[in-house]
Amino acid sequence: MTNQSDKGTVFRALHDRDGAFIIPNPWDVGSARMLQGLGFEALATTSAGFANAYARLDGQMTVEEKIEHCRALADATDIPINADFENGFAHDPPTVAVNIARVAEAGVVGASIEDYCGDPKKPIYPFAHAIERIAAAAEAVRGFGFPFLLTARAENLLRGVNDLDDTIARLQAYSAAGADVLYAPGLTTIDQVRTVVRAVDKPVNILAPMVAKATVADLAAAGAKRLSVGGALARAATTAMLNAAKEMRDAGTFGWLRGMASGREVSDLLK
């Protein structure tokens, strides 16, 4: 399956079927191909994992770099790719609309737009302005001519604004503005997940690692549809590398070689 329209149709169907599905987050072409080889049905980019791979912090990549990253992942895989498109790489609604059209042209069939503005003192866009940004992106998506899912992210809980009521109000407003999927990263309990799901009328993405001890079955039972892991897979790979390097440096041993994937296994997943 290499046609973008076909990928978009499959991606929409994943959101329409019963239960929840995992959408893991690769950080480069190799990790994307291996996750596809393991049988995952869709993938989502990670802004943090992508940035860290270039020795930068989350939020420090340019829109051109993000678009080319998305193009590389979409070209290298046969399954739907959703872009973590941060704040759309613009504050004003018209430029958000232009940019989401640009990333769609790169081959992805979904993208998230968040309401985090980057100002540490006032991290979240004002309510009305945030809605205008989602509405502009949704208007652009309607003109694509192929299935494309717009995810609206309410960033309060992830950015130190501990206000679930405002988060839900924003998700409801983003849905009315045209978002197809809703996402409030930072939910930490099944009760919070259940509360959000019951309050909205669109599929809900959950940042699964933040929900304490939750399993896929737990999150599905709470009504979640899409389960992503953000930068956690990239950090897991980094952790393994750091631990191996520290063992060599401090102990002069190579115990980290035990249990690692064989070259054959990696090669098979990259085919």
Protein backbone atom coordinates (compact mmCIF):
# COMPACT_ATOMS: atom_id res chain seq x y z
CA MET A 1 0.00 0.00 0.00
CA THR A 2 1.84 3.09 -1.23
CA ASN A 3 -0.98 5.35 -2.40
CA GLN A 4 -1.59 8.27 -0.02
CA SER A 5 -5.35 8.08 -0.46
CA ASP A 6 -5.31 4.39 0.41
CA LYS A 7 -3.21 5.09 3.49
CA GLY A 8 -5.67 7.79 4.54
CA THR A 9 -8.60 5.42 4.12
CA VAL A 10 -6.87 2.79 6.26
CA PHE A 11 -6.02 5.39 8.90
CA ARG A 12 -9.61 6.55 9.16
CA ALA A 13 -10.81 2.95 9.40
CA LEU A 14 -8.50 2.36 12.37
CA HIS A 15 -10.33 5.16 14.19
CA ASP A 16 -13.76 3.86 13.21
CA ARG A 17 -13.36 0.25 14.30
CA ASP A 18 -14.02 -1.06 17.80
CA GLY A 19 -11.35 -0.99 20.48
CA ALA A 20 -8.05 0.85 20.72
CA PHE A 21 -4.91 0.62 18.63
CA ILE A 22 -1.29 1.44 19.40
CA ILE A 23 0.38 4.02 17.19
CA PRO A 24 4.07 3.90 18.20
CA ASN A 25 6.43 6.78 17.54
CA PRO A 26 9.58 6.16 15.47
CA TRP A 27 12.27 8.83 15.37
CA ASP A 28 13.96 7.95 12.07
CA VAL A 29 13.49 5.85 8.96
CA GLY A 30 15.13 2.78 10.46
CA SER A 31 12.92 2.70 13.54
CA ALA A 32 9.86 3.33 11.35
CA ARG A 33 10.68 0.40 9.08
CA MET A 34 11.32 -1.90 12.04
CA LEU A 35 8.03 -0.95 13.70
CA GLN A 36 6.22 -1.61 10.45
CA GLY A 37 8.01 -4.95 10.22
CA LEU A 38 6.75 -5.85 13.68
CA GLY A 39 3.18 -5.47 12.43
CA PHE A 40 2.02 -2.11 13.72
CA GLU A 41 -0.75 -0.68 11.57
CA ALA A 42 0.13 3.03 11.76
CA LEU A 43 2.94 5.22 13.08
CA ALA A 44 3.25 8.72 14.47
CA THR A 45 6.34 10.90 14.46
CA THR A 46 7.83 12.21 17.69
CA SER A 47 9.04 15.79 17.83
CA ALA A 48 11.28 15.08 20.83
CA GLY A 49 12.81 11.90 19.44
CA PHE A 50 13.43 13.54 16.07
CA ALA A 51 15.05 16.60 17.65
CA ASN A 52 17.23 14.57 20.03
CA ALA A 53 18.56 12.53 17.11
CA TYR A 54 19.99 15.81 15.79
CA ALA A 55 21.41 16.83 19.19
CA ARG A 56 18.64 19.36 19.68
CA LEU A 57 15.84 19.79 22.17
CA ASP A 58 12.15 19.32 21.48
CA GLY A 59 10.83 22.33 19.58
CA GLN A 60 14.15 23.27 17.98
CA MET A 61 13.63 21.76 14.52
CA THR A 62 12.50 23.96 11.65
CA VAL A 63 9.35 23.43 9.63
CA GLU A 64 11.46 22.50 6.60
CA GLU A 65 13.32 19.87 8.60
CA LYS A 66 10.07 18.48 9.99
CA ILE A 67 8.47 18.24 6.56
CA GLU A 68 11.47 16.43 5.08
CA HIS A 69 11.51 14.08 8.08
CA CYS A 70 7.84 13.27 7.48
CA ARG A 71 8.49 12.76 3.78
CA ALA A 72 11.31 10.33 4.52
CA LEU A 73 9.15 8.25 6.88
CA ALA A 74 6.15 8.26 4.54
CA ASP A 75 8.29 7.25 1.56
CA ALA A 76 9.98 4.45 3.50
CA THR A 77 6.81 2.79 4.82
CA ASP A 78 3.57 1.34 3.49
CA ILE A 79 1.38 2.21 6.49
CA PRO A 80 -0.24 5.48 7.58
CA ILE A 81 1.99 8.12 9.17
CA ASN A 82 0.65 10.80 11.52
CA ALA A 83 2.85 13.87 12.00
CA ASP A 84 3.51 15.43 15.39
CA PHE A 85 3.35 18.88 13.83
CA GLU A 86 3.87 20.78 17.08
CA ASN A 87 2.08 24.17 16.93
CA GLY A 88 1.95 24.14 13.15
CA PHE A 89 5.21 26.10 13.15
CA ALA A 90 3.26 29.34 13.23
CA HIS A 91 1.22 31.45 15.58
CA ASP A 92 -1.25 32.90 13.08
CA PRO A 93 -4.06 30.73 11.68
CA PRO A 94 -3.38 31.38 7.95
CA THR A 95 0.22 30.19 8.20
CA VAL A 96 -0.84 27.13 10.21
CA ALA A 97 -3.16 26.29 7.31
CA VAL A 98 -0.37 26.71 4.77
CA ASN A 99 2.01 24.58 6.79
CA ILE A 100 -0.39 21.71 7.33
CA ALA A 101 -0.94 21.59 3.57
CA ARG A 102 2.83 21.43 3.15
CA VAL A 103 3.26 18.51 5.52
CA ALA A 104 0.34 16.68 3.92
CA GLU A 105 2.07 17.04 0.55
CA ALA A 106 5.00 15.14 2.11
CA GLY A 107 2.86 12.00 2.26
CA VAL A 108 1.49 11.80 5.80
CA VAL A 109 -2.24 11.19 6.28
CA GLY A 110 -2.69 12.88 9.63
CA ALA A 111 -1.15 15.60 11.76
CA SER A 112 -1.58 17.05 15.22
CA ILE A 113 -1.70 20.76 16.00
CA GLU A 114 -1.12 21.77 19.61
CA ASP A 115 -2.13 24.88 21.53
CA TYR A 116 1.26 25.33 23.20
CA CYS A 117 2.67 28.66 22.07
CA GLY A 118 6.20 28.35 23.44
CA ASP A 119 5.99 31.21 25.95
CA PRO A 120 7.00 29.78 29.37
CA LYS A 121 5.04 32.51 31.19
CA LYS A 122 1.83 32.00 29.20
CA PRO A 123 2.35 28.62 27.56
CA ILE A 124 -1.11 28.09 26.05
CA TYR A 125 -2.69 30.16 23.29
CA PRO A 126 -5.74 32.18 24.37
CA PHE A 127 -8.94 30.17 23.96
CA ALA A 128 -10.40 32.01 20.97
CA HIS A 129 -7.09 32.20 19.13
CA ALA A 130 -6.46 28.49 19.68
CA ILE A 131 -9.85 27.68 18.15
CA GLU A 132 -9.14 29.88 15.13
CA ARG A 133 -5.90 27.98 14.54
CA ILE A 134 -7.67 24.61 14.51
CA ALA A 135 -10.46 25.96 12.32
CA ALA A 136 -7.92 27.22 9.78
CA ALA A 137 -6.14 23.86 9.72
CA ALA A 138 -9.46 22.03 9.35
CA GLU A 139 -10.46 24.24 6.43
CA ALA A 140 -7.19 23.41 4.71
CA VAL A 141 -7.66 19.69 5.31
CA ARG A 142 -11.11 19.75 3.71
CA GLY A 143 -9.48 20.77 0.45
CA PHE A 144 -6.94 17.96 0.27
CA GLY A 145 -9.03 15.52 -1.77
CA PHE A 146 -7.92 12.46 0.20
CA PRO A 147 -8.62 11.23 3.74
CA PHE A 148 -6.55 13.12 6.30
CA LEU A 149 -7.16 13.20 10.05
CA LEU A 150 -6.53 16.43 11.94
CA THR A 151 -5.71 15.93 15.62
CA ALA A 152 -6.14 18.85 18.00
CA ARG A 153 -3.95 18.78 21.10
CA ALA A 154 -4.85 20.57 24.34
CA GLU A 155 -1.50 20.94 26.07
CA ASN A 156 -2.54 22.31 29.49
CA LEU A 157 -1.64 19.29 31.60
CA LEU A 158 1.68 18.73 29.84
CA ARG A 159 2.72 22.37 30.23
CA GLY A 160 2.02 22.94 33.92
CA VAL A 161 -1.56 24.22 33.61
CA ASN A 162 -3.41 21.79 35.87
CA ASP A 163 -6.93 22.56 34.67
CA LEU A 164 -8.87 19.56 33.39
CA ASP A 165 -12.08 21.56 32.96
CA ASP A 166 -10.37 24.04 30.62
CA THR A 167 -8.68 21.17 28.83
CA ILE A 168 -12.04 19.52 28.16
CA ALA A 169 -13.61 22.82 27.08
CA ARG A 170 -10.79 23.29 24.60
CA LEU A 171 -11.15 19.77 23.21
CA GLN A 172 -14.88 20.31 22.76
CA ALA A 173 -14.25 23.61 20.97
CA TYR A 174 -11.56 22.09 18.75
CA SER A 175 -13.97 19.32 17.80
CA ALA A 176 -16.58 21.89 16.83
CA ALA A 177 -13.91 23.74 14.81
CA GLY A 178 -13.29 20.64 12.68
CA ALA A 179 -10.75 18.42 14.42
CA ASP A 180 -11.12 14.70 13.69
CA VAL A 181 -9.19 13.38 16.72
CA LEU A 182 -8.70 14.93 20.17
CA TYR A 183 -5.63 14.65 22.36
CA ALA A 184 -4.82 15.91 25.85
CA PRO A 185 -1.32 14.66 26.67
CA GLY A 186 -0.68 14.59 30.38
CA LEU A 187 -3.65 12.57 31.60
CA THR A 188 -2.33 10.35 34.38
CA THR A 189 -5.26 8.21 35.55
CA ILE A 190 -7.87 5.98 33.99
CA ASP A 191 -10.53 8.14 35.62
CA GLN A 192 -9.17 11.20 33.78
CA VAL A 193 -9.16 9.28 30.51
CA ARG A 194 -12.74 8.18 31.08
CA THR A 195 -13.81 11.73 31.97
CA VAL A 196 -12.31 13.18 28.79
CA VAL A 197 -13.68 10.46 26.53
CA ARG A 198 -17.20 10.90 27.91
CA ALA A 199 -17.05 14.67 27.45
CA VAL A 200 -16.15 14.71 23.74
CA ASP A 201 -17.59 13.38 20.51
CA LYS A 202 -14.46 12.40 18.57
CA PRO A 203 -11.85 9.65 18.92
CA VAL A 204 -9.35 10.37 21.70
CA ASN A 205 -5.59 9.85 21.52
CA ILE A 206 -3.89 9.03 24.83
CA LEU A 207 -0.21 9.38 25.69
CA ALA A 208 -0.16 5.90 27.18
CA PRO A 209 3.09 5.97 29.21
CA MET A 210 1.76 8.81 31.39
CA VAL A 211 -1.28 6.85 32.58
CA ALA A 212 0.04 4.99 35.61
CA LYS A 213 0.20 1.19 35.18
CA ALA A 214 -2.45 1.25 32.44
CA THR A 215 -2.57 -1.52 29.86
CA VAL A 216 -3.99 -1.37 26.37
CA ALA A 217 -7.04 -3.20 27.65
CA ASP A 218 -7.49 -0.68 30.48
CA LEU A 219 -7.30 2.29 28.13
CA ALA A 220 -9.60 0.68 25.59
CA ALA A 221 -12.15 -0.03 28.31
CA ALA A 222 -11.98 3.64 29.31
CA GLY A 223 -12.87 4.60 25.75
CA ALA A 224 -9.49 5.62 24.33
CA LYS A 225 -9.08 4.97 20.63
CA ARG A 226 -5.45 5.72 19.76
CA LEU A 227 -2.50 5.01 22.06
CA SER A 228 0.79 6.77 21.35
CA VAL A 229 4.03 6.77 23.33
CA GLY A 230 5.57 10.12 22.34
CA GLY A 231 9.33 10.17 22.71
CA ALA A 232 9.42 7.13 25.02
CA LEU A 233 10.68 4.63 22.43
CA ALA A 234 13.47 6.98 21.42
CA ARG A 235 14.39 7.45 25.08
CA ALA A 236 14.32 3.68 25.60
CA ALA A 237 16.85 3.27 22.79
CA THR A 238 18.96 6.09 24.19
CA THR A 239 18.81 4.54 27.66
CA ALA A 240 20.13 1.23 26.32
CA MET A 241 22.99 3.02 24.58
CA LEU A 242 23.88 5.07 27.66
CA ASN A 243 23.82 2.05 29.94
CA ALA A 244 26.06 0.10 27.56
CA ALA A 245 28.48 3.00 27.25
CA LYS A 246 28.64 3.50 31.03
CA GLU A 247 29.34 -0.20 31.56
CA MET A 248 32.25 -0.10 29.12
CA ARG A 249 33.59 3.12 30.63
CA ASP A 250 33.20 2.20 34.30
CA ALA A 251 33.56 -1.59 34.41
CA GLY A 252 35.43 -2.36 31.22
CA THR A 253 32.94 -5.12 30.45
CA PHE A 254 30.51 -5.91 27.65
CA GLY A 255 27.63 -7.53 29.48
CA TRP A 256 25.23 -5.35 27.56
CA LEU A 257 25.77 -7.60 24.53
CA ARG A 258 23.67 -10.32 26.17
CA GLY A 259 20.13 -10.43 24.88
CA MET A 260 20.50 -7.82 22.17
CA ALA A 261 18.78 -8.21 18.80
CA SER A 262 20.74 -10.14 16.22
CA GLY A 263 21.87 -8.57 13.00
CA ARG A 264 19.63 -11.05 11.17
CA GLU A 265 16.57 -9.93 13.13
CA VAL A 266 17.24 -6.29 12.35
CA SER A 267 17.88 -7.09 8.68
CA ASP A 268 14.64 -9.02 8.39
CA LEU A 269 12.63 -6.13 9.86
CA LEU A 270 14.21 -3.66 7.44
CA LYS A 271 13.31 -5.65 4.33
